Amino acid sequence: MRQANIRATVLAAVAGAALSGCAMLPGGGGWQTLIDGGKGMDNFTTVGGANWRAEADGIVADRRPDTLGTHYLTTRNSYKDFELKAEFWVSEDANSGIYVRCTEVRPMTDRSCHEANIFDKRPDPSFATGAIVWLAKAPSPVPLTGGKWNTMEVTARGTKMTVVLNGVKTAETNEARDGAGVIGLQYAGGVVRYRKLQIKPL
């Protein structure tokens, strides 16, 4: 009887994963791995026309079909309270960011989402790399991420949201919208590469 219950539980979990269309990569301790090196494209939907693709060391984009607009990889699942960890590499001219709690995806903007920004050369540096756009300003001087591997951690719990870049807290707000939404990886220019993305629902 016990073995039958275990088998039923496993089958239910497999069926749930199939229905969600989201093939999680191995993780542990409550963490879900969405990107691991060049694996994980199946965990996302492409919004826009950027050439997101899997390469040996990560999920990468370096071209879009126009000079205007932004383009994303969005998670198939929604998340409300969570810890997120990302490892990324960007060129010095890159414009990217991690969008969270996105209530709309067409269009998907830093108004319909909260954005942990990755944009070293943002013309107005107030909300450049390390900021939560419109809610918590970037440090001064702006931390530079171009041309090297970096880590970014985003924690959202209720109305509190924090960003930690390369081990240093760069932004915090108590005014985040308290609701669920998808997570998006932005491409708006340069070369953007993610080699690890993990999330732990809270």
N, C-alpha and C. Protein backbone atom coordinates (compact mmCIF):
# COMPACT_ATOMS: atom_id res chain seq x y z
N MET A 1 0.83 -1.21 0.00
CA MET A 1 0.00 0.00 0.00
C MET A 1 0.86 1.25 0.00
N ARG A 2 1.92 1.21 0.80
CA ARG A 2 2.82 2.35 0.88
C ARG A 2 3.50 2.61 -0.46
N GLN A 3 3.96 1.53 -1.13
CA GLN A 3 4.61 1.67 -2.43
C GLN A 3 3.64 2.24 -3.46
N ALA A 4 2.38 1.81 -3.39
CA ALA A 4 1.37 2.33 -4.33
C ALA A 4 1.17 3.82 -4.15
N ASN A 5 1.17 4.27 -2.88
CA ASN A 5 1.00 5.71 -2.61
C ASN A 5 2.18 6.51 -3.15
N ILE A 6 3.39 5.95 -2.96
CA ILE A 6 4.58 6.64 -3.47
C ILE A 6 4.52 6.74 -4.98
N ARG A 7 4.15 5.62 -5.63
CA ARG A 7 4.06 5.62 -7.09
C ARG A 7 3.03 6.64 -7.57
N ALA A 8 1.89 6.73 -6.89
CA ALA A 8 0.85 7.69 -7.28
C ALA A 8 1.34 9.12 -7.14
N THR A 9 2.11 9.38 -6.07
CA THR A 9 2.65 10.73 -5.86
C THR A 9 3.61 11.11 -6.97
N VAL A 10 4.49 10.16 -7.35
CA VAL A 10 5.46 10.42 -8.41
C VAL A 10 4.75 10.68 -9.73
N LEU A 11 3.76 9.85 -10.05
CA LEU A 11 3.03 10.04 -11.30
C LEU A 11 2.32 11.37 -11.34
N ALA A 12 1.77 11.80 -10.20
CA ALA A 12 1.08 13.09 -10.15
C ALA A 12 2.04 14.23 -10.39
N ALA A 13 3.25 14.13 -9.83
CA ALA A 13 4.25 15.18 -10.03
C ALA A 13 4.67 15.26 -11.48
N VAL A 14 4.88 14.09 -12.11
CA VAL A 14 5.27 14.08 -13.52
C VAL A 14 4.17 14.67 -14.38
N ALA A 15 2.93 14.32 -14.09
CA ALA A 15 1.81 14.85 -14.87
C ALA A 15 1.70 16.35 -14.71
N GLY A 16 1.93 16.84 -13.48
CA GLY A 16 1.86 18.28 -13.27
C GLY A 16 2.92 19.02 -14.05
N ALA A 17 4.13 18.45 -14.09
CA ALA A 17 5.21 19.10 -14.86
C ALA A 17 4.88 19.11 -16.33
N ALA A 18 4.28 18.02 -16.83
CA ALA A 18 3.94 17.96 -18.25
C ALA A 18 2.87 18.97 -18.60
N LEU A 19 1.88 19.12 -17.72
CA LEU A 19 0.81 20.07 -17.99
C LEU A 19 1.31 21.49 -17.98
N SER A 20 2.27 21.79 -17.10
CA SER A 20 2.77 23.16 -17.03
C SER A 20 3.67 23.49 -18.20
N GLY A 21 4.19 22.47 -18.91
CA GLY A 21 5.10 22.71 -20.02
C GLY A 21 6.46 23.19 -19.57
N CYS A 22 6.79 22.98 -18.31
CA CYS A 22 8.02 23.51 -17.73
C CYS A 22 8.87 22.37 -17.22
N ALA A 23 9.96 22.05 -17.92
CA ALA A 23 10.82 20.93 -17.55
C ALA A 23 11.95 21.45 -16.68
N MET A 24 11.73 21.46 -15.35
CA MET A 24 12.73 21.96 -14.43
C MET A 24 13.98 21.10 -14.49
N LEU A 25 15.13 21.75 -14.36
CA LEU A 25 16.40 21.04 -14.28
C LEU A 25 16.65 20.66 -12.82
N PRO A 26 17.56 19.71 -12.57
CA PRO A 26 17.79 19.27 -11.19
C PRO A 26 18.15 20.42 -10.27
N GLY A 27 17.60 20.38 -9.06
CA GLY A 27 17.89 21.39 -8.04
C GLY A 27 17.82 20.73 -6.68
N GLY A 28 17.85 21.51 -5.63
CA GLY A 28 17.78 20.96 -4.28
C GLY A 28 17.48 22.04 -3.28
N GLY A 29 17.03 21.65 -2.09
CA GLY A 29 16.76 22.61 -1.03
C GLY A 29 15.65 23.57 -1.36
N GLY A 30 14.70 23.14 -2.18
CA GLY A 30 13.60 24.02 -2.56
C GLY A 30 13.88 24.87 -3.78
N TRP A 31 15.12 24.81 -4.29
CA TRP A 31 15.49 25.60 -5.46
C TRP A 31 15.07 24.90 -6.74
N GLN A 32 14.52 25.67 -7.67
CA GLN A 32 14.19 25.20 -9.01
C GLN A 32 15.23 25.79 -9.97
N THR A 33 15.86 24.94 -10.76
CA THR A 33 16.87 25.40 -11.71
C THR A 33 16.22 25.57 -13.08
N LEU A 34 16.20 26.81 -13.56
CA LEU A 34 15.58 27.11 -14.85
C LEU A 34 16.60 27.15 -15.97
N ILE A 35 17.83 27.60 -15.68
CA ILE A 35 18.92 27.61 -16.66
C ILE A 35 20.15 27.00 -16.00
N ASP A 36 20.79 26.09 -16.72
CA ASP A 36 22.03 25.49 -16.24
C ASP A 36 22.93 25.32 -17.45
N GLY A 37 23.88 26.25 -17.63
CA GLY A 37 24.69 26.25 -18.84
C GLY A 37 23.81 26.49 -20.05
N GLY A 38 23.94 25.62 -21.04
CA GLY A 38 23.12 25.77 -22.24
C GLY A 38 21.79 25.05 -22.17
N LYS A 39 21.38 24.62 -20.98
CA LYS A 39 20.12 23.90 -20.83
C LYS A 39 19.07 24.80 -20.19
N GLY A 40 17.82 24.67 -20.67
CA GLY A 40 16.73 25.38 -20.01
C GLY A 40 15.81 26.17 -20.91
N MET A 41 16.08 26.20 -22.20
CA MET A 41 15.20 26.97 -23.09
C MET A 41 13.75 26.53 -23.00
N ASP A 42 13.51 25.25 -22.71
CA ASP A 42 12.14 24.74 -22.62
C ASP A 42 11.37 25.34 -21.45
N ASN A 43 12.07 25.97 -20.50
CA ASN A 43 11.40 26.56 -19.35
C ASN A 43 10.87 27.97 -19.62
N PHE A 44 11.05 28.46 -20.86
CA PHE A 44 10.71 29.84 -21.17
C PHE A 44 9.88 29.95 -22.44
N THR A 45 9.20 31.08 -22.53
CA THR A 45 8.51 31.49 -23.75
C THR A 45 9.20 32.74 -24.28
N THR A 46 9.42 32.82 -25.57
CA THR A 46 10.04 34.00 -26.17
C THR A 46 8.98 35.05 -26.45
N VAL A 47 9.21 36.26 -25.98
CA VAL A 47 8.34 37.40 -26.26
C VAL A 47 9.17 38.41 -27.04
N GLY A 48 8.77 38.72 -28.27
CA GLY A 48 9.56 39.58 -29.14
C GLY A 48 10.43 38.74 -30.06
N GLY A 49 11.34 39.41 -30.76
CA GLY A 49 12.08 38.73 -31.81
C GLY A 49 13.56 38.58 -31.60
N ALA A 50 14.05 38.76 -30.37
CA ALA A 50 15.48 38.57 -30.13
C ALA A 50 15.87 37.12 -30.39
N ASN A 51 17.13 36.92 -30.77
CA ASN A 51 17.59 35.58 -31.16
C ASN A 51 18.10 34.77 -29.97
N TRP A 52 17.27 34.67 -28.92
CA TRP A 52 17.63 33.84 -27.78
C TRP A 52 17.89 32.40 -28.23
N ARG A 53 18.98 31.82 -27.75
CA ARG A 53 19.33 30.47 -28.16
C ARG A 53 20.24 29.85 -27.11
N ALA A 54 20.34 28.53 -27.14
CA ALA A 54 21.21 27.80 -26.22
C ALA A 54 22.58 27.62 -26.85
N GLU A 55 23.62 27.96 -26.11
CA GLU A 55 24.99 27.67 -26.49
C GLU A 55 25.63 26.85 -25.37
N ALA A 56 26.88 26.46 -25.55
CA ALA A 56 27.51 25.54 -24.61
C ALA A 56 27.56 26.09 -23.18
N ASP A 57 27.79 27.39 -23.06
CA ASP A 57 27.98 27.95 -21.72
C ASP A 57 26.83 28.85 -21.27
N GLY A 58 25.69 28.79 -21.93
CA GLY A 58 24.59 29.61 -21.46
C GLY A 58 23.52 29.85 -22.51
N ILE A 59 22.47 30.55 -22.06
CA ILE A 59 21.40 31.01 -22.94
C ILE A 59 21.75 32.44 -23.34
N VAL A 60 21.81 32.72 -24.65
CA VAL A 60 22.38 33.98 -25.12
C VAL A 60 21.49 34.64 -26.15
N ALA A 61 21.55 35.98 -26.18
CA ALA A 61 20.96 36.78 -27.26
C ALA A 61 21.94 37.89 -27.62
N ASP A 62 22.05 38.18 -28.91
CA ASP A 62 22.93 39.26 -29.34
C ASP A 62 22.38 40.02 -30.54
N ARG A 63 21.11 39.79 -30.86
CA ARG A 63 20.53 40.50 -32.00
C ARG A 63 19.00 40.56 -31.84
N ARG A 64 18.43 41.64 -32.30
CA ARG A 64 16.98 41.79 -32.34
C ARG A 64 16.59 42.33 -33.71
N PRO A 65 15.35 42.18 -34.12
CA PRO A 65 14.97 42.55 -35.48
C PRO A 65 14.80 44.03 -35.73
N ASP A 66 14.90 44.85 -34.70
CA ASP A 66 14.73 46.29 -34.88
C ASP A 66 15.57 47.00 -33.83
N THR A 67 15.71 48.29 -33.99
CA THR A 67 16.50 49.06 -33.03
C THR A 67 15.65 49.60 -31.90
N LEU A 68 14.34 49.41 -31.99
CA LEU A 68 13.43 49.86 -30.94
C LEU A 68 12.80 48.64 -30.26
N GLY A 69 12.22 48.88 -29.13
CA GLY A 69 11.53 47.80 -28.45
C GLY A 69 12.47 46.90 -27.67
N THR A 70 11.90 46.12 -26.79
CA THR A 70 12.67 45.18 -25.99
C THR A 70 12.07 43.79 -26.14
N HIS A 71 12.87 42.79 -25.81
CA HIS A 71 12.51 41.40 -26.08
C HIS A 71 12.90 40.56 -24.87
N TYR A 72 12.18 39.47 -24.65
CA TYR A 72 12.30 38.75 -23.39
C TYR A 72 12.23 37.24 -23.56
N LEU A 73 12.80 36.55 -22.58
CA LEU A 73 12.45 35.18 -22.27
C LEU A 73 11.62 35.24 -21.00
N THR A 74 10.43 34.68 -21.01
CA THR A 74 9.58 34.72 -19.83
C THR A 74 9.33 33.30 -19.31
N THR A 75 9.30 33.17 -18.00
CA THR A 75 9.03 31.87 -17.39
C THR A 75 7.61 31.44 -17.72
N ARG A 76 7.41 30.13 -17.78
CA ARG A 76 6.08 29.59 -18.02
C ARG A 76 5.22 29.64 -16.76
N ASN A 77 5.86 29.72 -15.60
CA ASN A 77 5.14 29.78 -14.33
C ASN A 77 5.22 31.19 -13.74
N SER A 78 4.26 31.51 -12.88
CA SER A 78 4.24 32.78 -12.16
C SER A 78 4.79 32.58 -10.76
N TYR A 79 5.37 33.66 -10.22
CA TYR A 79 5.95 33.61 -8.89
C TYR A 79 5.59 34.88 -8.14
N LYS A 80 5.33 34.74 -6.84
CA LYS A 80 4.98 35.89 -6.00
C LYS A 80 6.10 36.22 -5.03
N ASP A 81 6.27 35.38 -4.01
CA ASP A 81 7.36 35.55 -3.06
C ASP A 81 8.44 34.52 -3.39
N PHE A 82 9.70 34.96 -3.47
CA PHE A 82 10.74 34.05 -3.93
C PHE A 82 12.13 34.63 -3.66
N GLU A 83 13.11 33.76 -3.75
CA GLU A 83 14.52 34.14 -3.89
C GLU A 83 14.96 33.70 -5.27
N LEU A 84 15.69 34.54 -5.95
CA LEU A 84 16.17 34.24 -7.30
C LEU A 84 17.67 34.49 -7.35
N LYS A 85 18.39 33.58 -8.00
CA LYS A 85 19.83 33.74 -8.20
C LYS A 85 20.16 33.57 -9.67
N ALA A 86 20.93 34.50 -10.22
CA ALA A 86 21.31 34.46 -11.63
C ALA A 86 22.80 34.67 -11.77
N GLU A 87 23.39 33.98 -12.76
CA GLU A 87 24.77 34.24 -13.18
C GLU A 87 24.70 34.70 -14.63
N PHE A 88 25.29 35.86 -14.91
CA PHE A 88 25.16 36.44 -16.25
C PHE A 88 26.45 37.09 -16.70
N TRP A 89 26.59 37.19 -18.01
CA TRP A 89 27.69 37.91 -18.67
C TRP A 89 27.07 38.85 -19.68
N VAL A 90 27.50 40.10 -19.68
CA VAL A 90 27.00 41.06 -20.66
C VAL A 90 28.18 41.83 -21.25
N SER A 91 28.01 42.29 -22.49
CA SER A 91 29.00 43.19 -23.08
C SER A 91 28.85 44.58 -22.43
N GLU A 92 29.85 45.42 -22.63
CA GLU A 92 29.83 46.73 -21.97
C GLU A 92 28.68 47.61 -22.44
N ASP A 93 28.18 47.36 -23.66
CA ASP A 93 27.09 48.18 -24.20
C ASP A 93 25.72 47.50 -24.03
N ALA A 94 25.65 46.45 -23.24
CA ALA A 94 24.41 45.67 -23.14
C ALA A 94 23.34 46.41 -22.34
N ASN A 95 22.10 46.09 -22.68
CA ASN A 95 20.93 46.56 -21.95
C ASN A 95 20.09 45.33 -21.65
N SER A 96 20.07 44.94 -20.39
CA SER A 96 19.30 43.78 -19.97
C SER A 96 18.69 44.07 -18.61
N GLY A 97 18.12 43.06 -18.02
CA GLY A 97 17.52 43.19 -16.70
C GLY A 97 16.71 41.96 -16.40
N ILE A 98 16.43 41.78 -15.11
CA ILE A 98 15.58 40.68 -14.67
C ILE A 98 14.25 41.29 -14.24
N TYR A 99 13.20 40.93 -14.96
CA TYR A 99 11.86 41.46 -14.70
C TYR A 99 11.10 40.46 -13.85
N VAL A 100 10.45 40.94 -12.79
CA VAL A 100 9.74 40.04 -11.88
C VAL A 100 8.33 40.56 -11.61
N ARG A 101 7.46 39.64 -11.20
CA ARG A 101 6.06 39.95 -10.90
C ARG A 101 5.39 40.69 -12.05
N CYS A 102 5.61 40.21 -13.25
CA CYS A 102 5.06 40.88 -14.43
C CYS A 102 3.57 40.56 -14.57
N THR A 103 2.76 41.58 -14.49
CA THR A 103 1.31 41.39 -14.60
C THR A 103 0.84 41.39 -16.05
N GLU A 104 1.65 41.94 -16.95
CA GLU A 104 1.34 41.95 -18.38
C GLU A 104 2.61 41.63 -19.15
N VAL A 105 2.47 40.92 -20.27
CA VAL A 105 3.64 40.60 -21.09
C VAL A 105 3.52 41.17 -22.50
N ARG A 106 2.40 41.69 -22.87
CA ARG A 106 2.22 42.30 -24.20
C ARG A 106 1.47 43.61 -24.05
N PRO A 107 2.14 44.74 -23.89
CA PRO A 107 3.60 44.87 -23.80
C PRO A 107 4.09 44.55 -22.39
N MET A 108 5.37 44.24 -22.31
CA MET A 108 6.04 43.94 -21.05
C MET A 108 7.02 45.07 -20.79
N THR A 109 6.84 45.83 -19.72
CA THR A 109 7.64 47.02 -19.49
C THR A 109 8.08 47.08 -18.03
N ASP A 110 8.93 48.07 -17.73
CA ASP A 110 9.35 48.26 -16.34
C ASP A 110 8.27 48.95 -15.52
N ARG A 111 7.08 49.16 -16.12
CA ARG A 111 5.93 49.64 -15.37
C ARG A 111 4.97 48.51 -15.02
N SER A 112 4.87 47.51 -15.91
CA SER A 112 4.02 46.35 -15.63
C SER A 112 4.77 45.25 -14.88
N CYS A 113 6.06 45.46 -14.69
CA CYS A 113 6.91 44.54 -13.94
C CYS A 113 7.78 45.37 -13.00
N HIS A 114 8.48 44.70 -12.10
CA HIS A 114 9.59 45.31 -11.38
C HIS A 114 10.88 44.82 -12.03
N GLU A 115 11.79 45.75 -12.33
CA GLU A 115 13.02 45.40 -13.04
C GLU A 115 14.24 45.59 -12.17
N ALA A 116 15.00 44.51 -11.98
CA ALA A 116 16.35 44.60 -11.42
C ALA A 116 17.27 44.85 -12.61
N ASN A 117 17.77 46.06 -12.73
CA ASN A 117 18.38 46.49 -13.98
C ASN A 117 19.82 46.01 -14.15
N ILE A 118 20.15 45.74 -15.43
CA ILE A 118 21.52 45.43 -15.86
C ILE A 118 21.77 46.31 -17.08
N PHE A 119 22.26 47.51 -16.87
CA PHE A 119 22.39 48.50 -17.95
C PHE A 119 23.45 49.51 -17.49
N ASP A 120 24.74 49.14 -17.64
CA ASP A 120 25.84 49.95 -17.12
C ASP A 120 25.84 51.36 -17.70
N LYS A 121 25.46 51.49 -18.98
CA LYS A 121 25.57 52.78 -19.66
C LYS A 121 24.20 53.43 -19.87
N ARG A 122 23.28 53.20 -18.96
CA ARG A 122 21.98 53.85 -19.04
C ARG A 122 22.18 55.37 -19.08
N PRO A 123 21.56 56.07 -20.05
CA PRO A 123 21.78 57.52 -20.16
C PRO A 123 21.52 58.28 -18.87
N ASP A 124 20.44 57.93 -18.17
CA ASP A 124 20.21 58.47 -16.83
C ASP A 124 20.63 57.38 -15.85
N PRO A 125 21.76 57.56 -15.16
CA PRO A 125 22.30 56.49 -14.33
C PRO A 125 21.52 56.25 -13.05
N SER A 126 20.50 57.05 -12.78
CA SER A 126 19.76 56.92 -11.52
C SER A 126 19.25 55.50 -11.31
N PHE A 127 18.77 54.89 -12.40
CA PHE A 127 18.23 53.53 -12.29
C PHE A 127 19.00 52.57 -13.20
N ALA A 128 20.32 52.71 -13.19
CA ALA A 128 21.19 51.85 -13.99
C ALA A 128 21.41 50.52 -13.26
N THR A 129 22.47 49.83 -13.60
CA THR A 129 22.76 48.51 -13.05
C THR A 129 22.68 48.50 -11.53
N GLY A 130 21.94 47.51 -11.02
CA GLY A 130 21.79 47.34 -9.58
C GLY A 130 20.55 47.96 -9.00
N ALA A 131 19.85 48.79 -9.78
CA ALA A 131 18.65 49.46 -9.29
C ALA A 131 17.42 48.58 -9.44
N ILE A 132 16.36 48.92 -8.71
CA ILE A 132 15.02 48.46 -8.99
C ILE A 132 14.33 49.64 -9.66
N VAL A 133 14.13 49.56 -10.95
CA VAL A 133 13.74 50.72 -11.74
C VAL A 133 12.46 51.34 -11.18
N TRP A 134 12.52 52.65 -10.99
CA TRP A 134 11.45 53.52 -10.49
C TRP A 134 11.21 53.40 -8.99
N LEU A 135 11.85 52.44 -8.32
CA LEU A 135 11.60 52.27 -6.89
C LEU A 135 12.83 52.45 -6.02
N ALA A 136 14.00 52.01 -6.47
CA ALA A 136 15.21 52.10 -5.67
C ALA A 136 16.39 52.38 -6.59
N LYS A 137 17.06 53.50 -6.38
CA LYS A 137 18.11 53.94 -7.29
C LYS A 137 19.36 53.08 -7.20
N ALA A 138 20.14 53.15 -8.28
CA ALA A 138 21.42 52.44 -8.34
C ALA A 138 22.43 53.12 -7.43
N PRO A 139 23.44 52.37 -7.00
CA PRO A 139 24.53 52.99 -6.24
C PRO A 139 25.28 54.00 -7.11
N SER A 140 26.00 54.87 -6.47
CA SER A 140 26.87 55.82 -7.18
C SER A 140 28.28 55.66 -6.62
N PRO A 141 29.27 55.34 -7.48
CA PRO A 141 29.15 55.13 -8.92
C PRO A 141 28.41 53.83 -9.25
N VAL A 142 27.90 53.79 -10.47
CA VAL A 142 27.16 52.62 -10.93
C VAL A 142 28.11 51.42 -11.00
N PRO A 143 27.74 50.27 -10.44
CA PRO A 143 28.59 49.08 -10.58
C PRO A 143 28.66 48.63 -12.03
N LEU A 144 29.85 48.27 -12.48
CA LEU A 144 30.06 47.88 -13.87
C LEU A 144 30.10 46.37 -13.99
N THR A 145 29.29 45.84 -14.91
CA THR A 145 29.19 44.39 -15.08
C THR A 145 29.68 43.91 -16.44
N GLY A 146 29.97 44.83 -17.36
CA GLY A 146 30.34 44.47 -18.72
C GLY A 146 31.64 43.70 -18.80
N GLY A 147 31.64 42.64 -19.63
CA GLY A 147 32.86 41.91 -19.93
C GLY A 147 33.29 40.91 -18.88
N LYS A 148 32.42 40.53 -17.96
CA LYS A 148 32.79 39.55 -16.94
C LYS A 148 31.53 38.84 -16.44
N TRP A 149 31.74 37.72 -15.76
CA TRP A 149 30.63 37.00 -15.16
C TRP A 149 30.25 37.66 -13.85
N ASN A 150 28.95 37.73 -13.60
CA ASN A 150 28.41 38.39 -12.42
C ASN A 150 27.32 37.52 -11.80
N THR A 151 27.00 37.81 -10.56
CA THR A 151 25.85 37.19 -9.91
C THR A 151 24.86 38.27 -9.51
N MET A 152 23.59 37.96 -9.61
CA MET A 152 22.53 38.84 -9.13
C MET A 152 21.52 38.01 -8.37
N GLU A 153 21.14 38.51 -7.20
CA GLU A 153 20.13 37.86 -6.37
C GLU A 153 18.99 38.84 -6.15
N VAL A 154 17.78 38.37 -6.38
CA VAL A 154 16.58 39.18 -6.16
C VAL A 154 15.70 38.43 -5.18
N THR A 155 15.30 39.11 -4.11
CA THR A 155 14.40 38.52 -3.13
C THR A 155 13.14 39.36 -3.04
N ALA A 156 12.00 38.72 -3.16
CA ALA A 156 10.71 39.40 -3.06
C ALA A 156 9.87 38.70 -2.01
N ARG A 157 9.42 39.47 -1.04
CA ARG A 157 8.56 38.94 0.02
C ARG A 157 7.56 40.03 0.39
N GLY A 158 6.31 39.84 -0.01
CA GLY A 158 5.33 40.89 0.20
C GLY A 158 5.72 42.14 -0.57
N THR A 159 5.70 43.27 0.11
CA THR A 159 6.05 44.53 -0.56
C THR A 159 7.55 44.84 -0.48
N LYS A 160 8.32 43.96 0.15
CA LYS A 160 9.76 44.18 0.26
C LYS A 160 10.49 43.45 -0.86
N MET A 161 11.42 44.15 -1.51
CA MET A 161 12.22 43.57 -2.57
C MET A 161 13.65 44.08 -2.45
N THR A 162 14.62 43.18 -2.59
CA THR A 162 16.03 43.56 -2.53
C THR A 162 16.78 42.99 -3.71
N VAL A 163 17.86 43.68 -4.08
CA VAL A 163 18.76 43.23 -5.14
C VAL A 163 20.17 43.20 -4.56
N VAL A 164 20.85 42.08 -4.77
CA VAL A 164 22.25 41.93 -4.36
C VAL A 164 23.05 41.60 -5.62
N LEU A 165 24.05 42.42 -5.92
CA LEU A 165 24.88 42.26 -7.11
C LEU A 165 26.30 41.93 -6.68
N ASN A 166 26.79 40.78 -7.11
CA ASN A 166 28.16 40.35 -6.78
C ASN A 166 28.43 40.44 -5.27
N GLY A 167 27.43 40.04 -4.49
CA GLY A 167 27.58 39.97 -3.04
C GLY A 167 27.31 41.25 -2.28
N VAL A 168 26.97 42.33 -2.99
CA VAL A 168 26.73 43.63 -2.35
C VAL A 168 25.28 44.05 -2.60
N LYS A 169 24.56 44.40 -1.52
CA LYS A 169 23.18 44.86 -1.70
C LYS A 169 23.19 46.23 -2.36
N THR A 170 22.52 46.33 -3.52
CA THR A 170 22.53 47.57 -4.29
C THR A 170 21.19 48.29 -4.27
N ALA A 171 20.11 47.61 -3.92
CA ALA A 171 18.80 48.26 -3.93
C ALA A 171 17.85 47.54 -2.99
N GLU A 172 16.94 48.32 -2.41
CA GLU A 172 15.92 47.75 -1.54
C GLU A 172 14.71 48.67 -1.53
N THR A 173 13.53 48.08 -1.53
CA THR A 173 12.30 48.87 -1.47
C THR A 173 11.27 48.14 -0.63
N ASN A 174 10.40 48.90 -0.01
CA ASN A 174 9.25 48.36 0.70
C ASN A 174 7.96 48.73 -0.02
N GLU A 175 8.07 49.10 -1.29
CA GLU A 175 6.91 49.56 -2.05
C GLU A 175 6.64 48.70 -3.28
N ALA A 176 7.12 47.47 -3.27
CA ALA A 176 6.85 46.58 -4.41
C ALA A 176 5.38 46.18 -4.42
N ARG A 177 4.86 45.93 -5.62
CA ARG A 177 3.50 45.40 -5.73
C ARG A 177 3.48 43.98 -5.20
N ASP A 178 2.48 43.68 -4.39
CA ASP A 178 2.42 42.39 -3.72
C ASP A 178 1.51 41.45 -4.51
N GLY A 179 2.04 40.94 -5.62
CA GLY A 179 1.25 40.05 -6.47
C GLY A 179 2.15 39.15 -7.28
N ALA A 180 1.56 38.12 -7.86
CA ALA A 180 2.32 37.14 -8.63
C ALA A 180 2.44 37.56 -10.09
N GLY A 181 3.47 37.07 -10.75
CA GLY A 181 3.66 37.31 -12.17
C GLY A 181 4.83 36.51 -12.69
N VAL A 182 4.98 36.48 -14.00
CA VAL A 182 6.10 35.75 -14.59
C VAL A 182 7.39 36.52 -14.39
N ILE A 183 8.50 35.84 -14.63
CA ILE A 183 9.83 36.44 -14.60
C ILE A 183 10.34 36.51 -16.02
N GLY A 184 10.95 37.64 -16.38
CA GLY A 184 11.45 37.83 -17.73
C GLY A 184 12.91 38.23 -17.75
N LEU A 185 13.66 37.67 -18.69
CA LEU A 185 15.04 38.08 -18.95
C LEU A 185 15.00 38.98 -20.17
N GLN A 186 15.46 40.20 -20.00
CA GLN A 186 15.33 41.22 -21.05
C GLN A 186 16.53 41.21 -22.00
N TYR A 187 16.22 41.44 -23.27
CA TYR A 187 17.27 41.76 -24.23
C TYR A 187 16.90 43.06 -24.94
N ALA A 188 17.78 44.06 -24.83
CA ALA A 188 17.54 45.33 -25.52
C ALA A 188 18.80 45.88 -26.17
N GLY A 189 19.85 45.05 -26.25
CA GLY A 189 21.06 45.50 -26.93
C GLY A 189 22.31 44.82 -26.41
N GLY A 190 23.37 44.84 -27.23
CA GLY A 190 24.64 44.24 -26.85
C GLY A 190 24.58 42.72 -26.88
N VAL A 191 25.38 42.11 -26.04
CA VAL A 191 25.40 40.65 -25.89
C VAL A 191 24.98 40.33 -24.46
N VAL A 192 24.02 39.44 -24.32
CA VAL A 192 23.49 39.08 -23.00
C VAL A 192 23.52 37.56 -22.89
N ARG A 193 24.10 37.05 -21.81
CA ARG A 193 24.25 35.61 -21.64
C ARG A 193 23.94 35.25 -20.18
N TYR A 194 23.06 34.27 -19.99
CA TYR A 194 22.76 33.74 -18.66
C TYR A 194 23.21 32.27 -18.61
N ARG A 195 24.05 31.92 -17.65
CA ARG A 195 24.50 30.54 -17.54
C ARG A 195 23.87 29.81 -16.35
N LYS A 196 23.22 30.56 -15.47
CA LYS A 196 22.53 29.93 -14.35
C LYS A 196 21.36 30.82 -13.93
N LEU A 197 20.21 30.19 -13.71
CA LEU A 197 19.07 30.90 -13.15
C LEU A 197 18.32 29.91 -12.28
N GLN A 198 18.22 30.25 -11.00
CA GLN A 198 17.53 29.41 -10.04
C GLN A 198 16.54 30.25 -9.24
N ILE A 199 15.44 29.62 -8.84
CA ILE A 199 14.43 30.33 -8.05
C ILE A 199 13.92 29.41 -6.95
N LYS A 200 13.65 30.02 -5.80
CA LYS A 200 13.13 29.28 -4.66
C LYS A 200 11.86 29.97 -4.18
N PRO A 201 10.69 29.42 -4.46
CA PRO A 201 9.45 30.02 -3.96
C PRO A 201 9.46 30.06 -2.42
N LEU A 202 8.94 31.15 -1.86
CA LEU A 202 8.90 31.31 -0.41
C LEU A 202 7.47 31.16 0.10
